[in-house]
Amino acid sequence: MANTDRLIEGFQRFKKQYFGQDSRLYASMKTGQPAKTLMVGCCDSRVDPAILTD
């Protein structure tokens, strides 16, 4: 099996498991979320976003 096939299958399992549990919640999110803040983080594992936001 190709790596991309495994990636797609894994995403399908994730989607079914998490988004299928409360479809009303995720359906409401599709229409928009009123975001008030944008945080750009670093992928460095030594930086904990919780420390920055207290």
PDB file of N, CA and C in Angstrom:
ATOM      1  N   MET A   1       0.843  -1.179   0.000  1.00  0.00           N
ATOM      2  CA  MET A   1       0.000   0.000   0.000  1.00  0.00           C
ATOM      3  C   MET A   1       0.890   1.245   0.000  1.00  0.00           C
ATOM      4  N   ALA A   2       0.548   2.174  -0.829  1.00  0.00           N
ATOM      5  CA  ALA A   2       1.330   3.409  -0.924  1.00  0.00           C
ATOM      6  C   ALA A   2       1.117   4.272   0.319  1.00  0.00           C
ATOM      7  N   ASN A   3       2.108   5.080   0.627  1.00  0.00           N
ATOM      8  CA  ASN A   3       2.009   5.957   1.798  1.00  0.00           C
ATOM      9  C   ASN A   3       0.820   6.905   1.714  1.00  0.00           C
ATOM     10  N   THR A   4       0.538   7.404   0.523  1.00  0.00           N
ATOM     11  CA  THR A   4      -0.597   8.323   0.385  1.00  0.00           C
ATOM     12  C   THR A   4      -1.913   7.605   0.657  1.00  0.00           C
ATOM     13  N   ASP A   5      -2.010   6.342   0.247  1.00  0.00           N
ATOM     14  CA  ASP A   5      -3.223   5.568   0.525  1.00  0.00           C
ATOM     15  C   ASP A   5      -3.414   5.393   2.027  1.00  0.00           C
ATOM     16  N   ARG A   6      -2.330   5.110   2.741  1.00  0.00           N
ATOM     17  CA  ARG A   6      -2.410   4.954   4.197  1.00  0.00           C
ATOM     18  C   ARG A   6      -2.811   6.268   4.854  1.00  0.00           C
ATOM     19  N   LEU A   7      -2.280   7.369   4.353  1.00  0.00           N
ATOM     20  CA  LEU A   7      -2.617   8.682   4.889  1.00  0.00           C
ATOM     21  C   LEU A   7      -4.103   8.981   4.692  1.00  0.00           C
ATOM     22  N   ILE A   8      -4.607   8.720   3.511  1.00  0.00           N
ATOM     23  CA  ILE A   8      -6.022   8.973   3.204  1.00  0.00           C
ATOM     24  C   ILE A   8      -6.923   8.082   4.047  1.00  0.00           C
ATOM     25  N   GLU A   9      -6.580   6.806   4.174  1.00  0.00           N
ATOM     26  CA  GLU A   9      -7.382   5.889   4.982  1.00  0.00           C
ATOM     27  C   GLU A   9      -7.374   6.303   6.452  1.00  0.00           C
ATOM     28  N   GLY A  10      -6.229   6.731   6.943  1.00  0.00           N
ATOM     29  CA  GLY A  10      -6.150   7.198   8.325  1.00  0.00           C
ATOM     30  C   GLY A  10      -7.014   8.424   8.560  1.00  0.00           C
ATOM     31  N   PHE A  11      -7.012   9.346   7.601  1.00  0.00           N
ATOM     32  CA  PHE A  11      -7.848  10.537   7.734  1.00  0.00           C
ATOM     33  C   PHE A  11      -9.324  10.167   7.705  1.00  0.00           C
ATOM     34  N   GLN A  12      -9.688   9.216   6.850  1.00  0.00           N
ATOM     35  CA  GLN A  12     -11.088   8.777   6.792  1.00  0.00           C
ATOM     36  C   GLN A  12     -11.524   8.167   8.123  1.00  0.00           C
ATOM     37  N   ARG A  13     -10.646   7.370   8.755  1.00  0.00           N
ATOM     38  CA  ARG A  13     -10.969   6.803  10.072  1.00  0.00           C
ATOM     39  C   ARG A  13     -11.127   7.910  11.111  1.00  0.00           C
ATOM     40  N   PHE A  14     -10.212   8.879  11.097  1.00  0.00           N
ATOM     41  CA  PHE A  14     -10.287  10.010  12.022  1.00  0.00           C
ATOM     42  C   PHE A  14     -11.603  10.762  11.843  1.00  0.00           C
ATOM     43  N   LYS A  15     -11.933  11.053  10.602  1.00  0.00           N
ATOM     44  CA  LYS A  15     -13.147  11.807  10.302  1.00  0.00           C
ATOM     45  C   LYS A  15     -14.393  11.066  10.783  1.00  0.00           C
ATOM     46  N   LYS A  16     -14.431   9.772  10.540  1.00  0.00           N
ATOM     47  CA  LYS A  16     -15.586   8.970  10.952  1.00  0.00           C
ATOM     48  C   LYS A  16     -15.685   8.901  12.472  1.00  0.00           C
ATOM     49  N   GLN A  17     -14.558   8.722  13.136  1.00  0.00           N
ATOM     50  CA  GLN A  17     -14.561   8.565  14.587  1.00  0.00           C
ATOM     51  C   GLN A  17     -14.891   9.870  15.306  1.00  0.00           C
ATOM     52  N   TYR A  18     -14.267  10.973  14.912  1.00  0.00           N
ATOM     53  CA  TYR A  18     -14.432  12.220  15.652  1.00  0.00           C
ATOM     54  C   TYR A  18     -15.560  13.096  15.136  1.00  0.00           C
ATOM     55  N   PHE A  19     -15.683  13.236  13.835  1.00  0.00           N
ATOM     56  CA  PHE A  19     -16.716  14.102  13.293  1.00  0.00           C
ATOM     57  C   PHE A  19     -18.074  13.419  13.287  1.00  0.00           C
ATOM     58  N   GLY A  20     -18.097  12.103  13.310  1.00  0.00           N
ATOM     59  CA  GLY A  20     -19.357  11.375  13.314  1.00  0.00           C
ATOM     60  C   GLY A  20     -20.031  11.362  14.669  1.00  0.00           C
ATOM     61  N   GLN A  21     -19.294  11.657  15.737  1.00  0.00           N
ATOM     62  CA  GLN A  21     -19.849  11.581  17.084  1.00  0.00           C
ATOM     63  C   GLN A  21     -20.873  12.675  17.362  1.00  0.00           C
ATOM     64  N   ASP A  22     -20.611  13.873  16.972  1.00  0.00           N
ATOM     65  CA  ASP A  22     -21.540  14.981  17.205  1.00  0.00           C
ATOM     66  C   ASP A  22     -21.615  15.821  15.939  1.00  0.00           C
ATOM     67  N   SER A  23     -22.310  15.301  14.969  1.00  0.00           N
ATOM     68  CA  SER A  23     -22.341  15.952  13.660  1.00  0.00           C
ATOM     69  C   SER A  23     -22.996  17.331  13.709  1.00  0.00           C
ATOM     70  N   ARG A  24     -23.894  17.584  14.663  1.00  0.00           N
ATOM     71  CA  ARG A  24     -24.523  18.909  14.758  1.00  0.00           C
ATOM     72  C   ARG A  24     -23.496  19.982  15.104  1.00  0.00           C
ATOM     73  N   LEU A  25     -22.588  19.653  16.009  1.00  0.00           N
ATOM     74  CA  LEU A  25     -21.546  20.604  16.400  1.00  0.00           C
ATOM     75  C   LEU A  25     -20.680  20.968  15.201  1.00  0.00           C
ATOM     76  N   TYR A  26     -20.217  19.981  14.476  1.00  0.00           N
ATOM     77  CA  TYR A  26     -19.336  20.239  13.345  1.00  0.00           C
ATOM     78  C   TYR A  26     -20.083  20.857  12.172  1.00  0.00           C
ATOM     79  N   ALA A  27     -21.366  20.562  12.036  1.00  0.00           N
ATOM     80  CA  ALA A  27     -22.155  21.189  10.973  1.00  0.00           C
ATOM     81  C   ALA A  27     -22.257  22.689  11.220  1.00  0.00           C
ATOM     82  N   SER A  28     -22.415  23.082  12.485  1.00  0.00           N
ATOM     83  CA  SER A  28     -22.495  24.514  12.785  1.00  0.00           C
ATOM     84  C   SER A  28     -21.154  25.200  12.549  1.00  0.00           C
ATOM     85  N   MET A  29     -20.068  24.488  12.725  1.00  0.00           N
ATOM     86  CA  MET A  29     -18.743  25.070  12.502  1.00  0.00           C
ATOM     87  C   MET A  29     -18.451  25.301  11.028  1.00  0.00           C
ATOM     88  N   LYS A  30     -19.109  24.543  10.151  1.00  0.00           N
ATOM     89  CA  LYS A  30     -18.875  24.717   8.716  1.00  0.00           C
ATOM     90  C   LYS A  30     -19.317  26.089   8.235  1.00  0.00           C
ATOM     91  N   THR A  31     -20.315  26.651   8.884  1.00  0.00           N
ATOM     92  CA  THR A  31     -20.834  27.939   8.429  1.00  0.00           C
ATOM     93  C   THR A  31     -20.023  29.113   8.943  1.00  0.00           C
ATOM     94  N   GLY A  32     -19.140  28.855   9.885  1.00  0.00           N
ATOM     95  CA  GLY A  32     -18.257  29.921  10.342  1.00  0.00           C
ATOM     96  C   GLY A  32     -18.040  29.921  11.839  1.00  0.00           C
ATOM     97  N   GLN A  33     -16.936  30.464  12.211  1.00  0.00           N
ATOM     98  CA  GLN A  33     -16.587  30.643  13.611  1.00  0.00           C
ATOM     99  C   GLN A  33     -16.096  32.074  13.771  1.00  0.00           C
ATOM    100  N   PRO A  34     -16.648  32.805  14.713  1.00  0.00           N
ATOM    101  CA  PRO A  34     -16.209  34.192  14.895  1.00  0.00           C
ATOM    102  C   PRO A  34     -14.884  34.260  15.657  1.00  0.00           C
ATOM    103  N   ALA A  35     -13.801  34.083  14.953  1.00  0.00           N
ATOM    104  CA  ALA A  35     -12.478  34.108  15.590  1.00  0.00           C
ATOM    105  C   ALA A  35     -12.131  35.519  16.034  1.00  0.00           C
ATOM    106  N   LYS A  36     -11.577  35.617  17.233  1.00  0.00           N
ATOM    107  CA  LYS A  36     -11.165  36.913  17.766  1.00  0.00           C
ATOM    108  C   LYS A  36      -9.652  37.057  17.794  1.00  0.00           C
ATOM    109  N   THR A  37      -8.948  35.931  17.708  1.00  0.00           N
ATOM    110  CA  THR A  37      -7.497  35.949  17.842  1.00  0.00           C
ATOM    111  C   THR A  37      -6.875  34.960  16.870  1.00  0.00           C
ATOM    112  N   LEU A  38      -5.732  35.320  16.332  1.00  0.00           N
ATOM    113  CA  LEU A  38      -4.936  34.417  15.514  1.00  0.00           C
ATOM    114  C   LEU A  38      -3.591  34.269  16.190  1.00  0.00           C
ATOM    115  N   MET A  39      -3.217  33.034  16.458  1.00  0.00           N
ATOM    116  CA  MET A  39      -1.920  32.785  17.089  1.00  0.00           C
ATOM    117  C   MET A  39      -1.081  31.947  16.142  1.00  0.00           C
ATOM    118  N   VAL A  40       0.066  32.447  15.798  1.00  0.00           N
ATOM    119  CA  VAL A  40       0.997  31.718  14.953  1.00  0.00           C
ATOM    120  C   VAL A  40       2.044  31.129  15.877  1.00  0.00           C
ATOM    121  N   GLY A  41       2.159  29.818  15.857  1.00  0.00           N
ATOM    122  CA  GLY A  41       3.082  29.157  16.773  1.00  0.00           C
ATOM    123  C   GLY A  41       4.282  28.588  16.055  1.00  0.00           C
ATOM    124  N   CYS A  42       5.143  28.034  16.835  1.00  0.00           N
ATOM    125  CA  CYS A  42       6.367  27.421  16.349  1.00  0.00           C
ATOM    126  C   CYS A  42       6.238  25.915  16.509  1.00  0.00           C
ATOM    127  N   CYS A  43       6.752  25.176  15.570  1.00  0.00           N
ATOM    128  CA  CYS A  43       6.669  23.722  15.665  1.00  0.00           C
ATOM    129  C   CYS A  43       7.796  23.139  16.515  1.00  0.00           C
ATOM    130  N   ASP A  44       8.610  23.978  17.095  1.00  0.00           N
ATOM    131  CA  ASP A  44       9.687  23.529  17.972  1.00  0.00           C
ATOM    132  C   ASP A  44       9.067  22.948  19.241  1.00  0.00           C
ATOM    133  N   SER A  45       9.355  21.709  19.539  1.00  0.00           N
ATOM    134  CA  SER A  45       8.729  21.039  20.681  1.00  0.00           C
ATOM    135  C   SER A  45       9.148  21.627  22.019  1.00  0.00           C
ATOM    136  N   ARG A  46      10.149  22.463  22.043  1.00  0.00           N
ATOM    137  CA  ARG A  46      10.582  23.075  23.300  1.00  0.00           C
ATOM    138  C   ARG A  46       9.739  24.281  23.678  1.00  0.00           C
ATOM    139  N   VAL A  47       8.884  24.742  22.763  1.00  0.00           N
ATOM    140  CA  VAL A  47       8.055  25.915  23.021  1.00  0.00           C
ATOM    141  C   VAL A  47       6.636  25.449  23.327  1.00  0.00           C
ATOM    142  N   ASP A  48       6.161  25.728  24.532  1.00  0.00           N
ATOM    143  CA  ASP A  48       4.816  25.334  24.948  1.00  0.00           C
ATOM    144  C   ASP A  48       3.883  26.537  24.823  1.00  0.00           C
ATOM    145  N   PRO A  49       2.881  26.482  23.931  1.00  0.00           N
ATOM    146  CA  PRO A  49       1.969  27.622  23.767  1.00  0.00           C
ATOM    147  C   PRO A  49       1.253  27.999  25.061  1.00  0.00           C
ATOM    148  N   ALA A  50       1.034  27.048  25.953  1.00  0.00           N
ATOM    149  CA  ALA A  50       0.365  27.349  27.219  1.00  0.00           C
ATOM    150  C   ALA A  50       1.178  28.330  28.054  1.00  0.00           C
ATOM    151  N   ILE A  51       2.481  28.281  27.952  1.00  0.00           N
ATOM    152  CA  ILE A  51       3.326  29.219  28.694  1.00  0.00           C
ATOM    153  C   ILE A  51       3.166  30.629  28.124  1.00  0.00           C
ATOM    154  N   LEU A  52       3.082  30.728  26.815  1.00  0.00           N
ATOM    155  CA  LEU A  52       2.960  32.041  26.180  1.00  0.00           C
ATOM    156  C   LEU A  52       1.620  32.702  26.466  1.00  0.00           C
ATOM    157  N   THR A  53       0.573  31.898  26.595  1.00  0.00           N
ATOM    158  CA  THR A  53      -0.767  32.460  26.796  1.00  0.00           C
ATOM    159  C   THR A  53      -1.182  32.495  28.255  1.00  0.00           C
ATOM    160  N   ASP A  54      -0.350  31.976  29.135  1.00  0.00           N
ATOM    161  CA  ASP A  54      -0.562  31.957  30.579  1.00  0.00           C
ATOM    162  C   ASP A  54      -1.896  31.341  30.903  1.00  0.00           C
TER     163      ASP A  54
END
